[in-house]
Amino acid sequence: MRFSQAIWENIKKSYAVPNVPKIHQLKAEIASCKQGNLKVVEFFSKLMRLWNELGNYVKNPVCTCKAATTYAKITEDNKVHEFLMGLDDDMYANVRSQILALDSLPFLDKIFSMVQQEENHKRVMAKRDQRHEQASAFVVSYFPKSEQYRAYKVSCRHYGKT
């Protein structure tokens, strides 16, 4: 064995040891990762960072056989479930139920797109409702009780204008 090859083998033995505590930490972070106040894209990016970092420590088998394809699908499905479990329950319970009711889970990027569309729809509806609330705050109703009240002009209690 050549000297350079011996050094390489020594380095490989020293640094090729899996970092089990780090793997455990990353898996725990992924399992407890919640959307909270984050937008869907921010939450998804956070999960992607954790998944990529975990991928640096856990190597998937390299093979072209059917088992490798099956393993890749299982890994993808796990990511889908981790993403769906971390979403805000109040905001995304309906879309989560719709996705889980499908016969087979779509790919992660498709599910992310569906959830992001739901977020955009909810944002548009919230803005619309907010505009209606603001407009209704300025509505004044006046129903005079008798003829003598009709002689008076109605004025805004807040601004004092007619």
C-alpha atoms as a PDB file:
ATOM      1  CA  MET A   1       0.000   0.000   0.000  1.00  0.00           C
ATOM      2  CA  ARG A   2       1.331   3.401  -0.912  1.00  0.00           C
ATOM      3  CA  PHE A   3       1.830   6.066   1.713  1.00  0.00           C
ATOM      4  CA  SER A   4      -0.756   8.455   0.202  1.00  0.00           C
ATOM      5  CA  GLN A   5      -3.323   5.666   0.016  1.00  0.00           C
ATOM      6  CA  ALA A   6      -2.666   4.783   3.669  1.00  0.00           C
ATOM      7  CA  ILE A   7      -3.199   8.398   4.699  1.00  0.00           C
ATOM      8  CA  TRP A   8      -6.413   8.538   2.694  1.00  0.00           C
ATOM      9  CA  GLU A   9      -7.701   5.334   4.318  1.00  0.00           C
ATOM     10  CA  ASN A  10      -6.877   6.732   7.765  1.00  0.00           C
ATOM     11  CA  ILE A  11      -8.733   9.986   7.032  1.00  0.00           C
ATOM     12  CA  LYS A  12     -11.672   8.040   5.630  1.00  0.00           C
ATOM     13  CA  LYS A  13     -11.890   5.884   8.771  1.00  0.00           C
ATOM     14  CA  SER A  14     -11.692   8.936  11.006  1.00  0.00           C
ATOM     15  CA  TYR A  15     -14.281  11.090   9.248  1.00  0.00           C
ATOM     16  CA  ALA A  16     -16.590   8.548   7.641  1.00  0.00           C
ATOM     17  CA  VAL A  17     -18.096   7.673  11.015  1.00  0.00           C
ATOM     18  CA  PRO A  18     -21.752   8.678  11.018  1.00  0.00           C
ATOM     19  CA  ASN A  19     -22.539  11.462  13.440  1.00  0.00           C
ATOM     20  CA  VAL A  20     -25.407   9.731  15.249  1.00  0.00           C
ATOM     21  CA  PRO A  21     -26.092  12.544  17.758  1.00  0.00           C
ATOM     22  CA  LYS A  22     -26.310  15.094  14.914  1.00  0.00           C
ATOM     23  CA  ILE A  23     -28.605  12.796  12.938  1.00  0.00           C
ATOM     24  CA  HIS A  24     -30.825  12.414  15.995  1.00  0.00           C
ATOM     25  CA  GLN A  25     -30.850  16.185  16.577  1.00  0.00           C
ATOM     26  CA  LEU A  26     -31.860  16.887  12.966  1.00  0.00           C
ATOM     27  CA  LYS A  27     -34.601  14.251  13.004  1.00  0.00           C
ATOM     28  CA  ALA A  28     -35.932  15.701  16.268  1.00  0.00           C
ATOM     29  CA  GLU A  29     -35.920  19.216  14.773  1.00  0.00           C
ATOM     30  CA  ILE A  30     -37.789  17.973  11.717  1.00  0.00           C
ATOM     31  CA  ALA A  31     -40.346  16.120  13.844  1.00  0.00           C
ATOM     32  CA  SER A  32     -41.006  19.166  16.024  1.00  0.00           C
ATOM     33  CA  CYS A  33     -40.861  21.748  13.224  1.00  0.00           C
ATOM     34  CA  LYS A  34     -44.061  23.814  13.149  1.00  0.00           C
ATOM     35  CA  GLN A  35     -45.115  26.631  10.850  1.00  0.00           C
ATOM     36  CA  GLY A  36     -46.089  29.035  13.614  1.00  0.00           C
ATOM     37  CA  ASN A  37     -46.110  32.606  12.266  1.00  0.00           C
ATOM     38  CA  LEU A  38     -44.062  31.732   9.184  1.00  0.00           C
ATOM     39  CA  LYS A  39     -45.449  31.955   5.669  1.00  0.00           C
ATOM     40  CA  VAL A  40     -45.764  28.601   3.889  1.00  0.00           C
ATOM     41  CA  VAL A  41     -42.706  29.286   1.715  1.00  0.00           C
ATOM     42  CA  GLU A  42     -40.612  30.198   4.792  1.00  0.00           C
ATOM     43  CA  PHE A  43     -41.733  27.073   6.646  1.00  0.00           C
ATOM     44  CA  PHE A  44     -41.046  24.890   3.599  1.00  0.00           C
ATOM     45  CA  SER A  45     -37.582  26.447   3.193  1.00  0.00           C
ATOM     46  CA  LYS A  46     -36.807  25.732   6.837  1.00  0.00           C
ATOM     47  CA  LEU A  47     -37.777  22.081   6.377  1.00  0.00           C
ATOM     48  CA  MET A  48     -35.780  21.866   3.134  1.00  0.00           C
ATOM     49  CA  ARG A  49     -32.684  23.148   4.947  1.00  0.00           C
ATOM     50  CA  LEU A  50     -33.124  20.511   7.663  1.00  0.00           C
ATOM     51  CA  TRP A  51     -33.733  17.727   5.118  1.00  0.00           C
ATOM     52  CA  ASN A  52     -30.660  18.749   3.108  1.00  0.00           C
ATOM     53  CA  GLU A  53     -28.484  18.871   6.216  1.00  0.00           C
ATOM     54  CA  LEU A  54     -29.760  15.443   7.260  1.00  0.00           C
ATOM     55  CA  GLY A  55     -28.951  14.194   3.758  1.00  0.00           C
ATOM     56  CA  ASN A  56     -25.319  15.147   4.365  1.00  0.00           C
ATOM     57  CA  TYR A  57     -25.196  12.624   7.206  1.00  0.00           C
ATOM     58  CA  VAL A  58     -27.532   9.889   5.963  1.00  0.00           C
ATOM     59  CA  LYS A  59     -26.702   8.519   2.554  1.00  0.00           C
ATOM     60  CA  ASN A  60     -29.404   6.935   0.435  1.00  0.00           C
ATOM     61  CA  PRO A  61     -28.489   3.709  -1.333  1.00  0.00           C
ATOM     62  CA  VAL A  62     -27.270   4.207  -4.883  1.00  0.00           C
ATOM     63  CA  CYS A  63     -28.877   1.595  -7.052  1.00  0.00           C
ATOM     64  CA  THR A  64     -31.017   1.436 -10.166  1.00  0.00           C
ATOM     65  CA  CYS A  65     -33.128  -1.476  -8.992  1.00  0.00           C
ATOM     66  CA  LYS A  66     -36.794  -1.358  -7.999  1.00  0.00           C
ATOM     67  CA  ALA A  67     -35.889  -1.326  -4.291  1.00  0.00           C
ATOM     68  CA  ALA A  68     -34.114   2.023  -4.713  1.00  0.00           C
ATOM     69  CA  THR A  69     -37.195   3.489  -6.399  1.00  0.00           C
ATOM     70  CA  THR A  70     -39.385   2.192  -3.595  1.00  0.00           C
ATOM     71  CA  TYR A  71     -36.992   3.624  -0.984  1.00  0.00           C
ATOM     72  CA  ALA A  72     -37.014   7.013  -2.743  1.00  0.00           C
ATOM     73  CA  LYS A  73     -40.854   7.041  -2.721  1.00  0.00           C
ATOM     74  CA  ILE A  74     -40.920   6.175   0.994  1.00  0.00           C
ATOM     75  CA  THR A  75     -38.466   9.003   1.709  1.00  0.00           C
ATOM     76  CA  GLU A  76     -40.567  11.435  -0.357  1.00  0.00           C
ATOM     77  CA  ASP A  77     -43.758  10.363   1.436  1.00  0.00           C
ATOM     78  CA  ASN A  78     -42.061  10.884   4.817  1.00  0.00           C
ATOM     79  CA  LYS A  79     -41.183  14.432   3.791  1.00  0.00           C
ATOM     80  CA  VAL A  80     -44.779  15.028   2.676  1.00  0.00           C
ATOM     81  CA  HIS A  81     -46.080  13.890   6.064  1.00  0.00           C
ATOM     82  CA  GLU A  82     -43.514  15.989   7.938  1.00  0.00           C
ATOM     83  CA  PHE A  83     -44.535  19.056   5.911  1.00  0.00           C
ATOM     84  CA  LEU A  84     -48.262  18.467   6.419  1.00  0.00           C
ATOM     85  CA  MET A  85     -47.864  17.767  10.151  1.00  0.00           C
ATOM     86  CA  GLY A  86     -46.009  21.037  10.647  1.00  0.00           C
ATOM     87  CA  LEU A  87     -48.621  23.229   8.977  1.00  0.00           C
ATOM     88  CA  ASP A  88     -50.847  25.472  11.082  1.00  0.00           C
ATOM     89  CA  ASP A  89     -53.913  23.418  12.051  1.00  0.00           C
ATOM     90  CA  ASP A  90     -56.363  26.314  11.986  1.00  0.00           C
ATOM     91  CA  MET A  91     -55.318  27.548   8.555  1.00  0.00           C
ATOM     92  CA  TYR A  92     -54.646  24.328   6.638  1.00  0.00           C
ATOM     93  CA  ALA A  93     -56.747  21.544   8.173  1.00  0.00           C
ATOM     94  CA  ASN A  94     -59.059  21.418   5.128  1.00  0.00           C
ATOM     95  CA  VAL A  95     -56.367  21.279   2.463  1.00  0.00           C
ATOM     96  CA  ARG A  96     -54.422  18.733   4.556  1.00  0.00           C
ATOM     97  CA  SER A  97     -57.532  16.522   4.759  1.00  0.00           C
ATOM     98  CA  GLN A  98     -58.075  16.817   1.009  1.00  0.00           C
ATOM     99  CA  ILE A  99     -54.484  15.798   0.285  1.00  0.00           C
ATOM    100  CA  LEU A 100     -54.556  12.861   2.699  1.00  0.00           C
ATOM    101  CA  ALA A 101     -57.847  11.656   1.193  1.00  0.00           C
ATOM    102  CA  LEU A 102     -56.178  11.095  -2.191  1.00  0.00           C
ATOM    103  CA  ASP A 103     -55.470   7.493  -3.211  1.00  0.00           C
ATOM    104  CA  SER A 104     -51.751   8.179  -3.482  1.00  0.00           C
ATOM    105  CA  LEU A 105     -49.803  11.161  -2.268  1.00  0.00           C
ATOM    106  CA  PRO A 106     -48.657  13.634  -4.918  1.00  0.00           C
ATOM    107  CA  PHE A 107     -45.028  14.718  -5.015  1.00  0.00           C
ATOM    108  CA  LEU A 108     -43.867  17.165  -2.386  1.00  0.00           C
ATOM    109  CA  ASP A 109     -43.550  20.086  -4.815  1.00  0.00           C
ATOM    110  CA  LYS A 110     -47.179  19.598  -5.930  1.00  0.00           C
ATOM    111  CA  ILE A 111     -48.384  19.539  -2.314  1.00  0.00           C
ATOM    112  CA  PHE A 112     -46.342  22.655  -1.533  1.00  0.00           C
ATOM    113  CA  SER A 113     -48.002  24.371  -4.501  1.00  0.00           C
ATOM    114  CA  MET A 114     -51.481  23.351  -3.303  1.00  0.00           C
ATOM    115  CA  VAL A 115     -50.845  24.656   0.215  1.00  0.00           C
ATOM    116  CA  GLN A 116     -49.330  27.878  -1.124  1.00  0.00           C
ATOM    117  CA  GLN A 117     -52.438  28.439  -3.292  1.00  0.00           C
ATOM    118  CA  GLU A 118     -54.591  27.953  -0.199  1.00  0.00           C
ATOM    119  CA  GLU A 119     -52.474  30.505   1.674  1.00  0.00           C
ATOM    120  CA  ASN A 120     -52.833  33.030  -1.181  1.00  0.00           C
ATOM    121  CA  HIS A 121     -56.597  32.449  -1.309  1.00  0.00           C
ATOM    122  CA  LYS A 122     -56.933  33.009   2.456  1.00  0.00           C
ATOM    123  CA  ARG A 123     -54.835  36.186   2.218  1.00  0.00           C
ATOM    124  CA  VAL A 124     -57.053  37.586  -0.571  1.00  0.00           C
ATOM    125  CA  MET A 125     -60.218  36.720   1.369  1.00  0.00           C
ATOM    126  CA  ALA A 126     -58.850  38.322   4.553  1.00  0.00           C
ATOM    127  CA  LYS A 127     -58.056  41.550   2.664  1.00  0.00           C
ATOM    128  CA  ARG A 128     -61.545  41.567   1.153  1.00  0.00           C
ATOM    129  CA  ASP A 129     -63.150  41.057   4.560  1.00  0.00           C
ATOM    130  CA  GLN A 130     -60.957  43.782   6.031  1.00  0.00           C
ATOM    131  CA  ARG A 131     -62.081  46.247   3.351  1.00  0.00           C
ATOM    132  CA  HIS A 132     -65.739  45.441   4.122  1.00  0.00           C
ATOM    133  CA  GLU A 133     -65.149  45.948   7.845  1.00  0.00           C
ATOM    134  CA  GLN A 134     -63.437  49.293   7.237  1.00  0.00           C
ATOM    135  CA  ALA A 135     -66.223  50.443   4.942  1.00  0.00           C
ATOM    136  CA  SER A 136     -68.936  49.393   7.362  1.00  0.00           C
ATOM    137  CA  ALA A 137     -67.242  51.323  10.176  1.00  0.00           C
ATOM    138  CA  PHE A 138     -68.325  54.546   8.436  1.00  0.00           C
ATOM    139  CA  VAL A 139     -71.960  53.582   7.846  1.00  0.00           C
ATOM    140  CA  VAL A 140     -74.408  55.776   9.772  1.00  0.00           C
ATOM    141  CA  SER A 141     -78.010  54.849  10.207  1.00  0.00           C
ATOM    142  CA  TYR A 142     -80.572  57.381  11.304  1.00  0.00           C
ATOM    143  CA  PHE A 143     -84.185  56.620  11.946  1.00  0.00           C
ATOM    144  CA  PRO A 144     -86.039  59.643  13.347  1.00  0.00           C
ATOM    145  CA  LYS A 145     -88.687  58.862  15.937  1.00  0.00           C
ATOM    146  CA  SER A 146     -90.924  61.793  15.140  1.00  0.00           C
ATOM    147  CA  GLU A 147     -91.309  64.753  12.816  1.00  0.00           C
ATOM    148  CA  GLN A 148     -89.395  67.140  15.086  1.00  0.00           C
ATOM    149  CA  TYR A 149     -86.210  65.009  14.759  1.00  0.00           C
ATOM    150  CA  ARG A 150     -86.349  65.213  10.979  1.00  0.00           C
ATOM    151  CA  ALA A 151     -85.597  68.909  11.159  1.00  0.00           C
ATOM    152  CA  TYR A 152     -82.152  68.152  12.558  1.00  0.00           C
ATOM    153  CA  LYS A 153     -79.328  67.069  10.310  1.00  0.00           C
ATOM    154  CA  VAL A 154     -77.564  63.806  11.071  1.00  0.00           C
ATOM    155  CA  SER A 155     -73.893  64.172  12.007  1.00  0.00           C
ATOM    156  CA  CYS A 156     -71.067  61.772  12.570  1.00  0.00           C
ATOM    157  CA  ARG A 157     -70.404  61.258  16.261  1.00  0.00           C
ATOM    158  CA  HIS A 158     -66.701  60.768  15.678  1.00  0.00           C
ATOM    159  CA  TYR A 159     -65.888  63.638  13.319  1.00  0.00           C
ATOM    160  CA  GLY A 160     -68.912  65.851  14.029  1.00  0.00           C
ATOM    161  CA  LYS A 161     -69.611  66.362  10.323  1.00  0.00           C
ATOM    162  CA  THR A 162     -73.029  66.276   8.668  1.00  0.00           C
END
